[in-house]
Amino acid sequence: HANRPDLEEIHGIFKPKMLIPMHGEHRHL
């Protein structure tokens, strides 16, 4: 699974209008 810096990289590549966190407990989301 992608770690925090990897998630930041993906956010930067896709530049989404919005983000929906999934696949995690509430604290992860």
mmCIF file of all heavy atoms, coordinates in Angstrom:
data_MODEL
# 
_entry.id   MODEL 
# 
loop_
_atom_site.group_PDB 
_atom_site.id 
_atom_site.type_symbol 
_atom_site.label_atom_id 
_atom_site.label_alt_id 
_atom_site.label_comp_id 
_atom_site.label_asym_id 
_atom_site.label_entity_id 
_atom_site.label_seq_id 
_atom_site.pdbx_PDB_ins_code 
_atom_site.Cartn_x 
_atom_site.Cartn_y 
_atom_site.Cartn_z 
_atom_site.occupancy 
_atom_site.B_iso_or_equiv 
_atom_site.pdbx_formal_charge 
_atom_site.auth_seq_id 
_atom_site.auth_comp_id 
_atom_site.auth_asym_id 
_atom_site.auth_atom_id 
_atom_site.pdbx_PDB_model_num 
ATOM 1   N N   . HIS A 1 1  ? 0.826   -1.208 0.000   1.00 0.00 ? 1  HIS A N   1 
ATOM 2   C CA  . HIS A 1 1  ? 0.000   0.000  0.000   1.00 0.00 ? 1  HIS A CA  1 
ATOM 3   C C   . HIS A 1 1  ? 0.862   1.260  0.000   1.00 0.00 ? 1  HIS A C   1 
ATOM 4   O O   . HIS A 1 1  ? 1.979   1.269  0.515   1.00 0.00 ? 1  HIS A O   1 
ATOM 5   C CB  . HIS A 1 1  ? -0.929  0.006  1.216   1.00 0.00 ? 1  HIS A CB  1 
ATOM 6   C CG  . HIS A 1 1  ? -1.936  -1.089 1.205   1.00 0.00 ? 1  HIS A CG  1 
ATOM 7   N ND1 . HIS A 1 1  ? -3.164  -0.962 0.594   1.00 0.00 ? 1  HIS A ND1 1 
ATOM 8   C CD2 . HIS A 1 1  ? -1.900  -2.346 1.710   1.00 0.00 ? 1  HIS A CD2 1 
ATOM 9   C CE1 . HIS A 1 1  ? -3.842  -2.093 0.733   1.00 0.00 ? 1  HIS A CE1 1 
ATOM 10  N NE2 . HIS A 1 1  ? -3.098  -2.949 1.407   1.00 0.00 ? 1  HIS A NE2 1 
ATOM 11  N N   . ALA A 1 2  ? 0.299   2.312  -0.546  1.00 0.00 ? 2  ALA A N   1 
ATOM 12  C CA  . ALA A 1 2  ? 0.991   3.597  -0.631  1.00 0.00 ? 2  ALA A CA  1 
ATOM 13  C C   . ALA A 1 2  ? 1.101   4.242  0.743   1.00 0.00 ? 2  ALA A C   1 
ATOM 14  O O   . ALA A 1 2  ? 0.115   4.342  1.475   1.00 0.00 ? 2  ALA A O   1 
ATOM 15  C CB  . ALA A 1 2  ? 0.240   4.528  -1.582  1.00 0.00 ? 2  ALA A CB  1 
ATOM 16  N N   . ASN A 1 3  ? 2.321   4.712  1.082   1.00 0.00 ? 3  ASN A N   1 
ATOM 17  C CA  . ASN A 1 3  ? 2.539   5.433  2.318   1.00 0.00 ? 3  ASN A CA  1 
ATOM 18  C C   . ASN A 1 3  ? 2.181   6.913  2.140   1.00 0.00 ? 3  ASN A C   1 
ATOM 19  O O   . ASN A 1 3  ? 1.875   7.363  1.033   1.00 0.00 ? 3  ASN A O   1 
ATOM 20  C CB  . ASN A 1 3  ? 3.991   5.284  2.764   1.00 0.00 ? 3  ASN A CB  1 
ATOM 21  C CG  . ASN A 1 3  ? 4.310   3.873  3.237   1.00 0.00 ? 3  ASN A CG  1 
ATOM 22  O OD1 . ASN A 1 3  ? 3.431   3.017  3.316   1.00 0.00 ? 3  ASN A OD1 1 
ATOM 23  N ND2 . ASN A 1 3  ? 5.572   3.633  3.552   1.00 0.00 ? 3  ASN A ND2 1 
ATOM 24  N N   . ARG A 1 4  ? 2.248   7.658  3.235   1.00 0.00 ? 4  ARG A N   1 
ATOM 25  C CA  . ARG A 1 4  ? 1.818   9.059  3.212   1.00 0.00 ? 4  ARG A CA  1 
ATOM 26  C C   . ARG A 1 4  ? 2.505   9.880  2.107   1.00 0.00 ? 4  ARG A C   1 
ATOM 27  O O   . ARG A 1 4  ? 1.814   10.576 1.338   1.00 0.00 ? 4  ARG A O   1 
ATOM 28  C CB  . ARG A 1 4  ? 2.057   9.685  4.586   1.00 0.00 ? 4  ARG A CB  1 
ATOM 29  C CG  . ARG A 1 4  ? 1.448   11.072 4.755   1.00 0.00 ? 4  ARG A CG  1 
ATOM 30  C CD  . ARG A 1 4  ? 1.751   11.616 6.153   1.00 0.00 ? 4  ARG A CD  1 
ATOM 31  N NE  . ARG A 1 4  ? 1.071   12.870 6.415   1.00 0.00 ? 4  ARG A NE  1 
ATOM 32  C CZ  . ARG A 1 4  ? -0.136  12.967 6.952   1.00 0.00 ? 4  ARG A CZ  1 
ATOM 33  N NH1 . ARG A 1 4  ? -0.789  11.870 7.284   1.00 0.00 ? 4  ARG A NH1 1 
ATOM 34  N NH2 . ARG A 1 4  ? -0.687  14.157 7.154   1.00 0.00 ? 4  ARG A NH2 1 
ATOM 35  N N   . PRO A 1 5  ? 3.844   9.824  1.958   1.00 0.00 ? 5  PRO A N   1 
ATOM 36  C CA  . PRO A 1 5  ? 4.454   10.586 0.854   1.00 0.00 ? 5  PRO A CA  1 
ATOM 37  C C   . PRO A 1 5  ? 3.979   10.128 -0.526  1.00 0.00 ? 5  PRO A C   1 
ATOM 38  O O   . PRO A 1 5  ? 3.887   10.945 -1.454  1.00 0.00 ? 5  PRO A O   1 
ATOM 39  C CB  . PRO A 1 5  ? 5.958   10.328 1.035   1.00 0.00 ? 5  PRO A CB  1 
ATOM 40  C CG  . PRO A 1 5  ? 6.110   9.927  2.457   1.00 0.00 ? 5  PRO A CG  1 
ATOM 41  C CD  . PRO A 1 5  ? 4.865   9.168  2.798   1.00 0.00 ? 5  PRO A CD  1 
ATOM 42  N N   . ASP A 1 6  ? 3.687   8.845  -0.670  1.00 0.00 ? 6  ASP A N   1 
ATOM 43  C CA  . ASP A 1 6  ? 3.189   8.333  -1.946  1.00 0.00 ? 6  ASP A CA  1 
ATOM 44  C C   . ASP A 1 6  ? 1.791   8.874  -2.235  1.00 0.00 ? 6  ASP A C   1 
ATOM 45  O O   . ASP A 1 6  ? 1.462   9.205  -3.384  1.00 0.00 ? 6  ASP A O   1 
ATOM 46  C CB  . ASP A 1 6  ? 3.158   6.806  -1.926  1.00 0.00 ? 6  ASP A CB  1 
ATOM 47  C CG  . ASP A 1 6  ? 4.475   6.199  -1.485  1.00 0.00 ? 6  ASP A CG  1 
ATOM 48  O OD1 . ASP A 1 6  ? 5.526   6.717  -1.901  1.00 0.00 ? 6  ASP A OD1 1 
ATOM 49  O OD2 . ASP A 1 6  ? 4.462   5.226  -0.711  1.00 0.00 ? 6  ASP A OD2 1 
ATOM 50  N N   . LEU A 1 7  ? 0.960   8.955  -1.203  1.00 0.00 ? 7  LEU A N   1 
ATOM 51  C CA  . LEU A 1 7  ? -0.370  9.537  -1.375  1.00 0.00 ? 7  LEU A CA  1 
ATOM 52  C C   . LEU A 1 7  ? -0.257  10.995 -1.795  1.00 0.00 ? 7  LEU A C   1 
ATOM 53  O O   . LEU A 1 7  ? -1.007  11.464 -2.672  1.00 0.00 ? 7  LEU A O   1 
ATOM 54  C CB  . LEU A 1 7  ? -1.175  9.409  -0.080  1.00 0.00 ? 7  LEU A CB  1 
ATOM 55  C CG  . LEU A 1 7  ? -1.516  7.982  0.371   1.00 0.00 ? 7  LEU A CG  1 
ATOM 56  C CD1 . LEU A 1 7  ? -2.177  8.002  1.754   1.00 0.00 ? 7  LEU A CD1 1 
ATOM 57  C CD2 . LEU A 1 7  ? -2.430  7.286  -0.635  1.00 0.00 ? 7  LEU A CD2 1 
ATOM 58  N N   . GLU A 1 8  ? 0.673   11.718 -1.192  1.00 0.00 ? 8  GLU A N   1 
ATOM 59  C CA  . GLU A 1 8  ? 0.876   13.116 -1.583  1.00 0.00 ? 8  GLU A CA  1 
ATOM 60  C C   . GLU A 1 8  ? 1.277   13.213 -3.050  1.00 0.00 ? 8  GLU A C   1 
ATOM 61  O O   . GLU A 1 8  ? 0.819   14.124 -3.773  1.00 0.00 ? 8  GLU A O   1 
ATOM 62  C CB  . GLU A 1 8  ? 1.949   13.750 -0.693  1.00 0.00 ? 8  GLU A CB  1 
ATOM 63  C CG  . GLU A 1 8  ? 1.522   13.921 0.755   1.00 0.00 ? 8  GLU A CG  1 
ATOM 64  C CD  . GLU A 1 8  ? 2.637   14.456 1.633   1.00 0.00 ? 8  GLU A CD  1 
ATOM 65  O OE1 . GLU A 1 8  ? 3.768   13.943 1.539   1.00 0.00 ? 8  GLU A OE1 1 
ATOM 66  O OE2 . GLU A 1 8  ? 2.372   15.383 2.411   1.00 0.00 ? 8  GLU A OE2 1 
ATOM 67  N N   . GLU A 1 9  ? 2.119   12.288 -3.499  1.00 0.00 ? 9  GLU A N   1 
ATOM 68  C CA  . GLU A 1 9  ? 2.537   12.295 -4.906  1.00 0.00 ? 9  GLU A CA  1 
ATOM 69  C C   . GLU A 1 9  ? 1.351   12.045 -5.833  1.00 0.00 ? 9  GLU A C   1 
ATOM 70  O O   . GLU A 1 9  ? 1.208   12.711 -6.874  1.00 0.00 ? 9  GLU A O   1 
ATOM 71  C CB  . GLU A 1 9  ? 3.627   11.245 -5.132  1.00 0.00 ? 9  GLU A CB  1 
ATOM 72  C CG  . GLU A 1 9  ? 4.213   11.250 -6.527  1.00 0.00 ? 9  GLU A CG  1 
ATOM 73  C CD  . GLU A 1 9  ? 5.459   10.398 -6.642  1.00 0.00 ? 9  GLU A CD  1 
ATOM 74  O OE1 . GLU A 1 9  ? 6.086   10.091 -5.608  1.00 0.00 ? 9  GLU A OE1 1 
ATOM 75  O OE2 . GLU A 1 9  ? 5.829   10.048 -7.789  1.00 0.00 ? 9  GLU A OE2 1 
ATOM 76  N N   . ILE A 1 10 ? 0.493   11.098 -5.449  1.00 0.00 ? 10 ILE A N   1 
ATOM 77  C CA  . ILE A 1 10 ? -0.684  10.798 -6.261  1.00 0.00 ? 10 ILE A CA  1 
ATOM 78  C C   . ILE A 1 10 ? -1.653  11.983 -6.291  1.00 0.00 ? 10 ILE A C   1 
ATOM 79  O O   . ILE A 1 10 ? -2.219  12.318 -7.334  1.00 0.00 ? 10 ILE A O   1 
ATOM 80  C CB  . ILE A 1 10 ? -1.373  9.523  -5.735  1.00 0.00 ? 10 ILE A CB  1 
ATOM 81  C CG1 . ILE A 1 10 ? -0.553  8.283  -6.099  1.00 0.00 ? 10 ILE A CG1 1 
ATOM 82  C CG2 . ILE A 1 10 ? -2.796  9.383  -6.270  1.00 0.00 ? 10 ILE A CG2 1 
ATOM 83  C CD1 . ILE A 1 10 ? -0.405  8.059  -7.603  1.00 0.00 ? 10 ILE A CD1 1 
ATOM 84  N N   . HIS A 1 11 ? -1.833  12.641 -5.150  1.00 0.00 ? 11 HIS A N   1 
ATOM 85  C CA  . HIS A 1 11 ? -2.676  13.842 -5.127  1.00 0.00 ? 11 HIS A CA  1 
ATOM 86  C C   . HIS A 1 11 ? -2.140  14.875 -6.117  1.00 0.00 ? 11 HIS A C   1 
ATOM 87  O O   . HIS A 1 11 ? -2.913  15.533 -6.833  1.00 0.00 ? 11 HIS A O   1 
ATOM 88  C CB  . HIS A 1 11 ? -2.695  14.457 -3.729  1.00 0.00 ? 11 HIS A CB  1 
ATOM 89  C CG  . HIS A 1 11 ? -3.326  13.602 -2.686  1.00 0.00 ? 11 HIS A CG  1 
ATOM 90  N ND1 . HIS A 1 11 ? -3.352  13.959 -1.356  1.00 0.00 ? 11 HIS A ND1 1 
ATOM 91  C CD2 . HIS A 1 11 ? -3.952  12.400 -2.754  1.00 0.00 ? 11 HIS A CD2 1 
ATOM 92  C CE1 . HIS A 1 11 ? -3.974  13.022 -0.658  1.00 0.00 ? 11 HIS A CE1 1 
ATOM 93  N NE2 . HIS A 1 11 ? -4.332  12.059 -1.484  1.00 0.00 ? 11 HIS A NE2 1 
ATOM 94  N N   . GLY A 1 12 ? -0.815  15.021 -6.151  1.00 0.00 ? 12 GLY A N   1 
ATOM 95  C CA  . GLY A 1 12 ? -0.212  16.005 -7.034  1.00 0.00 ? 12 GLY A CA  1 
ATOM 96  C C   . GLY A 1 12 ? -0.328  15.654 -8.498  1.00 0.00 ? 12 GLY A C   1 
ATOM 97  O O   . GLY A 1 12 ? -0.434  16.541 -9.353  1.00 0.00 ? 12 GLY A O   1 
ATOM 98  N N   . ILE A 1 13 ? -0.293  14.364 -8.820  1.00 0.00 ? 13 ILE A N   1 
ATOM 99  C CA  . ILE A 1 13 ? -0.420  13.949 -10.225 1.00 0.00 ? 13 ILE A CA  1 
ATOM 100 C C   . ILE A 1 13 ? -1.852  14.119 -10.728 1.00 0.00 ? 13 ILE A C   1 
ATOM 101 O O   . ILE A 1 13 ? -2.089  14.689 -11.801 1.00 0.00 ? 13 ILE A O   1 
ATOM 102 C CB  . ILE A 1 13 ? 0.032   12.481 -10.386 1.00 0.00 ? 13 ILE A CB  1 
ATOM 103 C CG1 . ILE A 1 13 ? 1.556   12.375 -10.218 1.00 0.00 ? 13 ILE A CG1 1 
ATOM 104 C CG2 . ILE A 1 13 ? -0.391  11.919 -11.747 1.00 0.00 ? 13 ILE A CG2 1 
ATOM 105 C CD1 . ILE A 1 13 ? 2.081   10.959 -10.274 1.00 0.00 ? 13 ILE A CD1 1 
ATOM 106 N N   . PHE A 1 14 ? -2.821  13.638 -9.958  1.00 0.00 ? 14 PHE A N   1 
ATOM 107 C CA  . PHE A 1 14 ? -4.196  13.654 -10.455 1.00 0.00 ? 14 PHE A CA  1 
ATOM 108 C C   . PHE A 1 14 ? -4.900  14.997 -10.229 1.00 0.00 ? 14 PHE A C   1 
ATOM 109 O O   . PHE A 1 14 ? -5.852  15.309 -10.931 1.00 0.00 ? 14 PHE A O   1 
ATOM 110 C CB  . PHE A 1 14 ? -5.000  12.522 -9.808  1.00 0.00 ? 14 PHE A CB  1 
ATOM 111 C CG  . PHE A 1 14 ? -4.662  11.164 -10.343 1.00 0.00 ? 14 PHE A CG  1 
ATOM 112 C CD1 . PHE A 1 14 ? -3.971  10.233 -9.580  1.00 0.00 ? 14 PHE A CD1 1 
ATOM 113 C CD2 . PHE A 1 14 ? -4.997  10.821 -11.647 1.00 0.00 ? 14 PHE A CD2 1 
ATOM 114 C CE1 . PHE A 1 14 ? -3.654  8.988  -10.086 1.00 0.00 ? 14 PHE A CE1 1 
ATOM 115 C CE2 . PHE A 1 14 ? -4.683  9.573  -12.167 1.00 0.00 ? 14 PHE A CE2 1 
ATOM 116 C CZ  . PHE A 1 14 ? -4.002  8.653  -11.387 1.00 0.00 ? 14 PHE A CZ  1 
ATOM 117 N N   . LYS A 1 15 ? -4.436  15.771 -9.247  1.00 0.00 ? 15 LYS A N   1 
ATOM 118 C CA  . LYS A 1 15 ? -5.033  17.081 -8.966  1.00 0.00 ? 15 LYS A CA  1 
ATOM 119 C C   . LYS A 1 15 ? -6.568  17.031 -9.017  1.00 0.00 ? 15 LYS A C   1 
ATOM 120 O O   . LYS A 1 15 ? -7.218  17.762 -9.779  1.00 0.00 ? 15 LYS A O   1 
ATOM 121 C CB  . LYS A 1 15 ? -4.513  18.134 -9.950  1.00 0.00 ? 15 LYS A CB  1 
ATOM 122 C CG  . LYS A 1 15 ? -3.012  18.363 -9.864  1.00 0.00 ? 15 LYS A CG  1 
ATOM 123 C CD  . LYS A 1 15 ? -2.560  19.408 -10.870 1.00 0.00 ? 15 LYS A CD  1 
ATOM 124 C CE  . LYS A 1 15 ? -1.093  19.756 -10.676 1.00 0.00 ? 15 LYS A CE  1 
ATOM 125 N NZ  . LYS A 1 15 ? -0.192  18.604 -10.903 1.00 0.00 ? 15 LYS A NZ  1 
ATOM 126 N N   . PRO A 1 16 ? -7.178  16.176 -8.218  1.00 0.00 ? 16 PRO A N   1 
ATOM 127 C CA  . PRO A 1 16 ? -8.635  16.009 -8.315  1.00 0.00 ? 16 PRO A CA  1 
ATOM 128 C C   . PRO A 1 16 ? -9.378  17.224 -7.765  1.00 0.00 ? 16 PRO A C   1 
ATOM 129 O O   . PRO A 1 16 ? -8.880  17.950 -6.897  1.00 0.00 ? 16 PRO A O   1 
ATOM 130 C CB  . PRO A 1 16 ? -8.886  14.779 -7.430  1.00 0.00 ? 16 PRO A CB  1 
ATOM 131 C CG  . PRO A 1 16 ? -7.801  14.843 -6.391  1.00 0.00 ? 16 PRO A CG  1 
ATOM 132 C CD  . PRO A 1 16 ? -6.592  15.362 -7.126  1.00 0.00 ? 16 PRO A CD  1 
ATOM 133 N N   . LYS A 1 17 ? -10.597 17.398 -8.262  1.00 0.00 ? 17 LYS A N   1 
ATOM 134 C CA  . LYS A 1 17 ? -11.460 18.451 -7.723  1.00 0.00 ? 17 LYS A CA  1 
ATOM 135 C C   . LYS A 1 17 ? -11.863 18.115 -6.291  1.00 0.00 ? 17 LYS A C   1 
ATOM 136 O O   . LYS A 1 17 ? -12.065 19.000 -5.457  1.00 0.00 ? 17 LYS A O   1 
ATOM 137 C CB  . LYS A 1 17 ? -12.698 18.611 -8.606  1.00 0.00 ? 17 LYS A CB  1 
ATOM 138 C CG  . LYS A 1 17 ? -13.590 19.778 -8.204  1.00 0.00 ? 17 LYS A CG  1 
ATOM 139 C CD  . LYS A 1 17 ? -14.814 19.886 -9.106  1.00 0.00 ? 17 LYS A CD  1 
ATOM 140 C CE  . LYS A 1 17 ? -14.428 20.384 -10.484 1.00 0.00 ? 17 LYS A CE  1 
ATOM 141 N NZ  . LYS A 1 17 ? -15.656 20.668 -11.298 1.00 0.00 ? 17 LYS A NZ  1 
ATOM 142 N N   . MET A 1 18 ? -11.978 16.806 -5.992  1.00 0.00 ? 18 MET A N   1 
ATOM 143 C CA  . MET A 1 18 ? -12.330 16.355 -4.645  1.00 0.00 ? 18 MET A CA  1 
ATOM 144 C C   . MET A 1 18 ? -11.711 14.995 -4.394  1.00 0.00 ? 18 MET A C   1 
ATOM 145 O O   . MET A 1 18 ? -11.339 14.284 -5.348  1.00 0.00 ? 18 MET A O   1 
ATOM 146 C CB  . MET A 1 18 ? -13.854 16.280 -4.477  1.00 0.00 ? 18 MET A CB  1 
ATOM 147 C CG  . MET A 1 18 ? -14.527 15.262 -5.370  1.00 0.00 ? 18 MET A CG  1 
ATOM 148 S SD  . MET A 1 18 ? -16.340 15.328 -5.309  1.00 0.00 ? 18 MET A SD  1 
ATOM 149 C CE  . MET A 1 18 ? -16.661 16.849 -6.216  1.00 0.00 ? 18 MET A CE  1 
ATOM 150 N N   . LEU A 1 19 ? -11.608 14.625 -3.130  1.00 0.00 ? 19 LEU A N   1 
ATOM 151 C CA  . LEU A 1 19 ? -11.028 13.334 -2.765  1.00 0.00 ? 19 LEU A CA  1 
ATOM 152 C C   . LEU A 1 19 ? -11.948 12.619 -1.784  1.00 0.00 ? 19 LEU A C   1 
ATOM 153 O O   . LEU A 1 19 ? -12.459 13.229 -0.842  1.00 0.00 ? 19 LEU A O   1 
ATOM 154 C CB  . LEU A 1 19 ? -9.638  13.521 -2.146  1.00 0.00 ? 19 LEU A CB  1 
ATOM 155 C CG  . LEU A 1 19 ? -8.924  12.220 -1.732  1.00 0.00 ? 19 LEU A CG  1 
ATOM 156 C CD1 . LEU A 1 19 ? -7.463  12.236 -2.147  1.00 0.00 ? 19 LEU A CD1 1 
ATOM 157 C CD2 . LEU A 1 19 ? -9.038  11.985 -0.228  1.00 0.00 ? 19 LEU A CD2 1 
ATOM 158 N N   . ILE A 1 20 ? -12.138 11.321 -2.008  1.00 0.00 ? 20 ILE A N   1 
ATOM 159 C CA  . ILE A 1 20 ? -12.892 10.467 -1.090  1.00 0.00 ? 20 ILE A CA  1 
ATOM 160 C C   . ILE A 1 20 ? -11.942 9.402  -0.563  1.00 0.00 ? 20 ILE A C   1 
ATOM 161 O O   . ILE A 1 20 ? -11.534 8.500  -1.296  1.00 0.00 ? 20 ILE A O   1 
ATOM 162 C CB  . ILE A 1 20 ? -14.101 9.795  -1.782  1.00 0.00 ? 20 ILE A CB  1 
ATOM 163 C CG1 . ILE A 1 20 ? -14.947 10.814 -2.543  1.00 0.00 ? 20 ILE A CG1 1 
ATOM 164 C CG2 . ILE A 1 20 ? -14.932 9.045  -0.733  1.00 0.00 ? 20 ILE A CG2 1 
ATOM 165 C CD1 . ILE A 1 20 ? -15.562 11.885 -1.669  1.00 0.00 ? 20 ILE A CD1 1 
ATOM 166 N N   . PRO A 1 21 ? -11.533 9.490  0.706   1.00 0.00 ? 21 PRO A N   1 
ATOM 167 C CA  . PRO A 1 21 ? -10.680 8.437  1.255   1.00 0.00 ? 21 PRO A CA  1 
ATOM 168 C C   . PRO A 1 21 ? -11.460 7.124  1.372   1.00 0.00 ? 21 PRO A C   1 
ATOM 169 O O   . PRO A 1 21 ? -12.638 7.119  1.758   1.00 0.00 ? 21 PRO A O   1 
ATOM 170 C CB  . PRO A 1 21 ? -10.312 8.961  2.645   1.00 0.00 ? 21 PRO A CB  1 
ATOM 171 C CG  . PRO A 1 21 ? -10.694 10.405 2.657   1.00 0.00 ? 21 PRO A CG  1 
ATOM 172 C CD  . PRO A 1 21 ? -11.829 10.532 1.698   1.00 0.00 ? 21 PRO A CD  1 
ATOM 173 N N   . MET A 1 22 ? -10.820 6.016  1.038   1.00 0.00 ? 22 MET A N   1 
ATOM 174 C CA  . MET A 1 22 ? -11.460 4.702  1.189   1.00 0.00 ? 22 MET A CA  1 
ATOM 175 C C   . MET A 1 22 ? -10.425 3.712  1.700   1.00 0.00 ? 22 MET A C   1 
ATOM 176 O O   . MET A 1 22 ? -9.255  4.024  1.867   1.00 0.00 ? 22 MET A O   1 
ATOM 177 C CB  . MET A 1 22 ? -12.059 4.217  -0.128  1.00 0.00 ? 22 MET A CB  1 
ATOM 178 C CG  . MET A 1 22 ? -11.031 3.877  -1.166  1.00 0.00 ? 22 MET A CG  1 
ATOM 179 S SD  . MET A 1 22 ? -11.655 2.846  -2.493  1.00 0.00 ? 22 MET A SD  1 
ATOM 180 C CE  . MET A 1 22 ? -10.172 2.662  -3.493  1.00 0.00 ? 22 MET A CE  1 
ATOM 181 N N   . HIS A 1 23 ? -10.855 2.484  1.910   1.00 0.00 ? 23 HIS A N   1 
ATOM 182 C CA  . HIS A 1 23 ? -9.997  1.382  2.330   1.00 0.00 ? 23 HIS A CA  1 
ATOM 183 C C   . HIS A 1 23 ? -9.222  1.763  3.584   1.00 0.00 ? 23 HIS A C   1 
ATOM 184 O O   . HIS A 1 23 ? -8.005  1.913  3.564   1.00 0.00 ? 23 HIS A O   1 
ATOM 185 C CB  . HIS A 1 23 ? -9.042  0.967  1.205   1.00 0.00 ? 23 HIS A CB  1 
ATOM 186 C CG  . HIS A 1 23 ? -8.524  -0.451 1.357   1.00 0.00 ? 23 HIS A CG  1 
ATOM 187 N ND1 . HIS A 1 23 ? -7.566  -0.783 2.285   1.00 0.00 ? 23 HIS A ND1 1 
ATOM 188 C CD2 . HIS A 1 23 ? -8.831  -1.600 0.716   1.00 0.00 ? 23 HIS A CD2 1 
ATOM 189 C CE1 . HIS A 1 23 ? -7.296  -2.083 2.198   1.00 0.00 ? 23 HIS A CE1 1 
ATOM 190 N NE2 . HIS A 1 23 ? -8.065  -2.594 1.253   1.00 0.00 ? 23 HIS A NE2 1 
ATOM 191 N N   . GLY A 1 24 ? -9.949  1.873  4.682   1.00 0.00 ? 24 GLY A N   1 
ATOM 192 C CA  . GLY A 1 24 ? -9.309  2.185  5.947   1.00 0.00 ? 24 GLY A CA  1 
ATOM 193 C C   . GLY A 1 24 ? -10.329 2.314  7.059   1.00 0.00 ? 24 GLY A C   1 
ATOM 194 O O   . GLY A 1 24 ? -11.523 2.504  6.797   1.00 0.00 ? 24 GLY A O   1 
ATOM 195 N N   . GLU A 1 25 ? -9.853  2.195  8.288   1.00 0.00 ? 25 GLU A N   1 
ATOM 196 C CA  . GLU A 1 25 ? -10.702 2.481  9.431   1.00 0.00 ? 25 GLU A CA  1 
ATOM 197 C C   . GLU A 1 25 ? -10.968 3.983  9.468   1.00 0.00 ? 25 GLU A C   1 
ATOM 198 O O   . GLU A 1 25 ? -10.345 4.759  8.741   1.00 0.00 ? 25 GLU A O   1 
ATOM 199 C CB  . GLU A 1 25 ? -10.006 2.019  10.710  1.00 0.00 ? 25 GLU A CB  1 
ATOM 200 C CG  . GLU A 1 25 ? -9.743  0.518  10.740  1.00 0.00 ? 25 GLU A CG  1 
ATOM 201 C CD  . GLU A 1 25 ? -8.817  0.101  11.871  1.00 0.00 ? 25 GLU A CD  1 
ATOM 202 O OE1 . GLU A 1 25 ? -8.398  0.990  12.657  1.00 0.00 ? 25 GLU A OE1 1 
ATOM 203 O OE2 . GLU A 1 25 ? -8.506  -1.099 11.964  1.00 0.00 ? 25 GLU A OE2 1 
ATOM 204 N N   . HIS A 1 26 ? -11.891 4.398  10.341  1.00 0.00 ? 26 HIS A N   1 
ATOM 205 C CA  . HIS A 1 26 ? -12.264 5.809  10.357  1.00 0.00 ? 26 HIS A CA  1 
ATOM 206 C C   . HIS A 1 26 ? -11.053 6.707  10.583  1.00 0.00 ? 26 HIS A C   1 
ATOM 207 O O   . HIS A 1 26 ? -10.922 7.779  9.963   1.00 0.00 ? 26 HIS A O   1 
ATOM 208 C CB  . HIS A 1 26 ? -13.327 6.071  11.435  1.00 0.00 ? 26 HIS A CB  1 
ATOM 209 C CG  . HIS A 1 26 ? -13.958 7.417  11.323  1.00 0.00 ? 26 HIS A CG  1 
ATOM 210 N ND1 . HIS A 1 26 ? -13.386 8.561  11.842  1.00 0.00 ? 26 HIS A ND1 1 
ATOM 211 C CD2 . HIS A 1 26 ? -15.119 7.810  10.731  1.00 0.00 ? 26 HIS A CD2 1 
ATOM 212 C CE1 . HIS A 1 26 ? -14.157 9.598  11.598  1.00 0.00 ? 26 HIS A CE1 1 
ATOM 213 N NE2 . HIS A 1 26 ? -15.215 9.177  10.914  1.00 0.00 ? 26 HIS A NE2 1 
ATOM 214 N N   . ARG A 1 27 ? -10.132 6.274  11.437  1.00 0.00 ? 27 ARG A N   1 
ATOM 215 C CA  . ARG A 1 27 ? -8.956  7.094  11.711  1.00 0.00 ? 27 ARG A CA  1 
ATOM 216 C C   . ARG A 1 27 ? -8.085  7.255  10.467  1.00 0.00 ? 27 ARG A C   1 
ATOM 217 O O   . ARG A 1 27 ? -7.474  8.327  10.264  1.00 0.00 ? 27 ARG A O   1 
ATOM 218 C CB  . ARG A 1 27 ? -8.140  6.493  12.866  1.00 0.00 ? 27 ARG A CB  1 
ATOM 219 C CG  . ARG A 1 27 ? -7.588  5.105  12.580  1.00 0.00 ? 27 ARG A CG  1 
ATOM 220 C CD  . ARG A 1 27 ? -7.046  4.424  13.838  1.00 0.00 ? 27 ARG A CD  1 
ATOM 221 N NE  . ARG A 1 27 ? -6.575  3.087  13.557  1.00 0.00 ? 27 ARG A NE  1 
ATOM 222 C CZ  . ARG A 1 27 ? -5.297  2.774  13.366  1.00 0.00 ? 27 ARG A CZ  1 
ATOM 223 N NH1 . ARG A 1 27 ? -4.373  3.722  13.451  1.00 0.00 ? 27 ARG A NH1 1 
ATOM 224 N NH2 . ARG A 1 27 ? -4.936  1.536  13.119  1.00 0.00 ? 27 ARG A NH2 1 
ATOM 225 N N   . HIS A 1 28 ? -8.026  6.226  9.619   1.00 0.00 ? 28 HIS A N   1 
ATOM 226 C CA  . HIS A 1 28 ? -7.282  6.341  8.368   1.00 0.00 ? 28 HIS A CA  1 
ATOM 227 C C   . HIS A 1 28 ? -7.981  7.318  7.420   1.00 0.00 ? 28 HIS A C   1 
ATOM 228 O O   . HIS A 1 28 ? -7.322  8.157  6.782   1.00 0.00 ? 28 HIS A O   1 
ATOM 229 C CB  . HIS A 1 28 ? -7.167  4.976  7.684   1.00 0.00 ? 28 HIS A CB  1 
ATOM 230 C CG  . HIS A 1 28 ? -6.416  3.948  8.459   1.00 0.00 ? 28 HIS A CG  1 
ATOM 231 N ND1 . HIS A 1 28 ? -7.029  3.099  9.351   1.00 0.00 ? 28 HIS A ND1 1 
ATOM 232 C CD2 . HIS A 1 28 ? -5.100  3.616  8.481   1.00 0.00 ? 28 HIS A CD2 1 
ATOM 233 C CE1 . HIS A 1 28 ? -6.138  2.288  9.876   1.00 0.00 ? 28 HIS A CE1 1 
ATOM 234 N NE2 . HIS A 1 28 ? -4.953  2.586  9.382   1.00 0.00 ? 28 HIS A NE2 1 
ATOM 235 N N   . LEU A 1 29 ? -9.292  7.195  7.318   1.00 0.00 ? 29 LEU A N   1 
ATOM 236 C CA  . LEU A 1 29 ? -10.042 8.075  6.419   1.00 0.00 ? 29 LEU A CA  1 
ATOM 237 C C   . LEU A 1 29 ? -9.894  9.530  6.850   1.00 0.00 ? 29 LEU A C   1 
ATOM 238 O O   . LEU A 1 29 ? -9.714  10.429 6.012   1.00 0.00 ? 29 LEU A O   1 
ATOM 239 C CB  . LEU A 1 29 ? -11.523 7.672  6.395   1.00 0.00 ? 29 LEU A CB  1 
ATOM 240 C CG  . LEU A 1 29 ? -11.853 6.208  6.065   1.00 0.00 ? 29 LEU A CG  1 
ATOM 241 C CD1 . LEU A 1 29 ? -13.364 6.028  5.951   1.00 0.00 ? 29 LEU A CD1 1 
ATOM 242 C CD2 . LEU A 1 29 ? -11.163 5.751  4.795   1.00 0.00 ? 29 LEU A CD2 1 
# 
